[in-house]
Amino acid sequence: MTHRVADVYKAGVLVGGACIGFVIPFTLIIIYPTNRQLEDPKLDIGSMSTASLLARWNQLHAVRSGAAVIALVIFLLDLGQFV
């Protein structure tokens, strides 16, 4: 492995790891409060506020899933360098 390839590999692993690492605090700090509101037994299922909470949860989940997909692509591209 040349020095340049090693540097690209390290950068890819670092960026991919940062994307995966982003998911946990994002879930705990950003998504968890929305989950708690959605789990409230007093929540009216047919209300506009519930629809708004579900729409917010969908957007937040898309961000979380996107970060995981980006990490997967980066890791696969890095793996492809060695095949």
Protein backbone atom coordinates (compact mmCIF):
# COMPACT_ATOMS: atom_id res chain seq x y z
CA MET A 1 0.00 0.00 0.00
CA THR A 2 1.50 3.33 -1.02
CA HIS A 3 1.53 6.28 1.30
CA ARG A 4 -1.20 8.07 -0.71
CA VAL A 5 -3.57 5.08 -0.64
CA ALA A 6 -3.02 4.72 3.11
CA ASP A 7 -3.95 8.38 3.64
CA VAL A 8 -7.14 8.04 1.55
CA TYR A 9 -8.03 4.86 3.44
CA LYS A 10 -7.57 6.60 6.80
CA ALA A 11 -9.65 9.56 5.67
CA GLY A 12 -12.44 7.27 4.44
CA VAL A 13 -12.50 5.32 7.68
CA LEU A 14 -12.50 8.56 9.65
CA VAL A 15 -15.41 10.06 7.67
CA GLY A 16 -17.37 6.80 7.69
CA GLY A 17 -16.79 6.40 11.41
CA ALA A 18 -17.90 9.97 12.02
CA CYS A 19 -21.15 9.29 10.11
CA ILE A 20 -21.82 6.18 12.20
CA GLY A 21 -20.79 7.99 15.39
CA PHE A 22 -23.20 10.82 14.53
CA VAL A 23 -26.18 8.44 14.64
CA ILE A 24 -26.07 7.70 18.39
CA PRO A 25 -26.02 11.25 19.81
CA PHE A 26 -28.46 12.36 17.10
CA THR A 27 -30.88 9.65 18.19
CA LEU A 28 -30.51 10.36 21.90
CA ILE A 29 -30.56 14.15 21.73
CA ILE A 30 -32.79 14.92 18.74
CA ILE A 31 -35.05 11.93 18.03
CA TYR A 32 -35.65 10.65 21.57
CA PRO A 33 -37.75 13.66 22.70
CA THR A 34 -40.02 13.20 19.68
CA ASN A 35 -40.33 9.49 20.47
CA ARG A 36 -41.34 10.30 24.04
CA GLN A 37 -44.06 12.66 22.82
CA LEU A 38 -45.35 10.04 20.39
CA GLU A 39 -45.43 7.40 23.15
CA ASP A 40 -47.58 9.57 25.43
CA PRO A 41 -50.77 7.62 26.17
CA LYS A 42 -52.73 10.90 26.30
CA LEU A 43 -51.80 11.71 22.70
CA ASP A 44 -54.84 11.99 20.42
CA ILE A 45 -54.04 9.78 17.44
CA GLY A 46 -56.20 11.80 15.05
CA SER A 47 -54.95 15.26 16.00
CA MET A 48 -52.90 17.61 13.86
CA SER A 49 -50.19 17.70 16.52
CA THR A 50 -49.78 13.93 16.20
CA ALA A 51 -49.53 14.24 12.43
CA SER A 52 -46.94 16.97 12.88
CA LEU A 53 -44.94 14.81 15.32
CA LEU A 54 -45.01 11.87 12.91
CA ALA A 55 -43.88 14.08 10.04
CA ARG A 56 -41.03 15.39 12.20
CA TRP A 57 -40.07 11.85 13.22
CA ASN A 58 -40.03 10.78 9.55
CA GLN A 59 -37.67 13.62 8.65
CA LEU A 60 -35.38 12.92 11.59
CA HIS A 61 -35.31 9.21 10.81
CA ALA A 62 -34.40 10.02 7.20
CA VAL A 63 -31.40 12.03 8.42
CA ARG A 64 -30.31 9.18 10.68
CA SER A 65 -30.75 6.60 7.92
CA GLY A 66 -28.95 8.83 5.44
CA ALA A 67 -25.91 9.08 7.70
CA ALA A 68 -25.80 5.29 8.01
CA VAL A 69 -26.10 4.83 4.23
CA ILE A 70 -23.34 7.37 3.60
CA ALA A 71 -21.10 5.52 6.05
CA LEU A 72 -21.86 2.21 4.33
CA VAL A 73 -21.01 3.61 0.90
CA ILE A 74 -17.76 5.12 2.19
CA PHE A 75 -16.75 1.86 3.87
CA LEU A 76 -17.58 -0.16 0.72
CA LEU A 77 -15.59 2.22 -1.46
CA ASP A 78 -12.65 1.92 0.91
CA LEU A 79 -12.98 -1.84 0.88
CA GLY A 80 -12.99 -1.77 -2.92
CA GLN A 81 -9.50 -0.26 -2.89
CA PHE A 82 -8.11 -3.52 -1.58
CA VAL A 83 -9.92 -5.95 -3.89
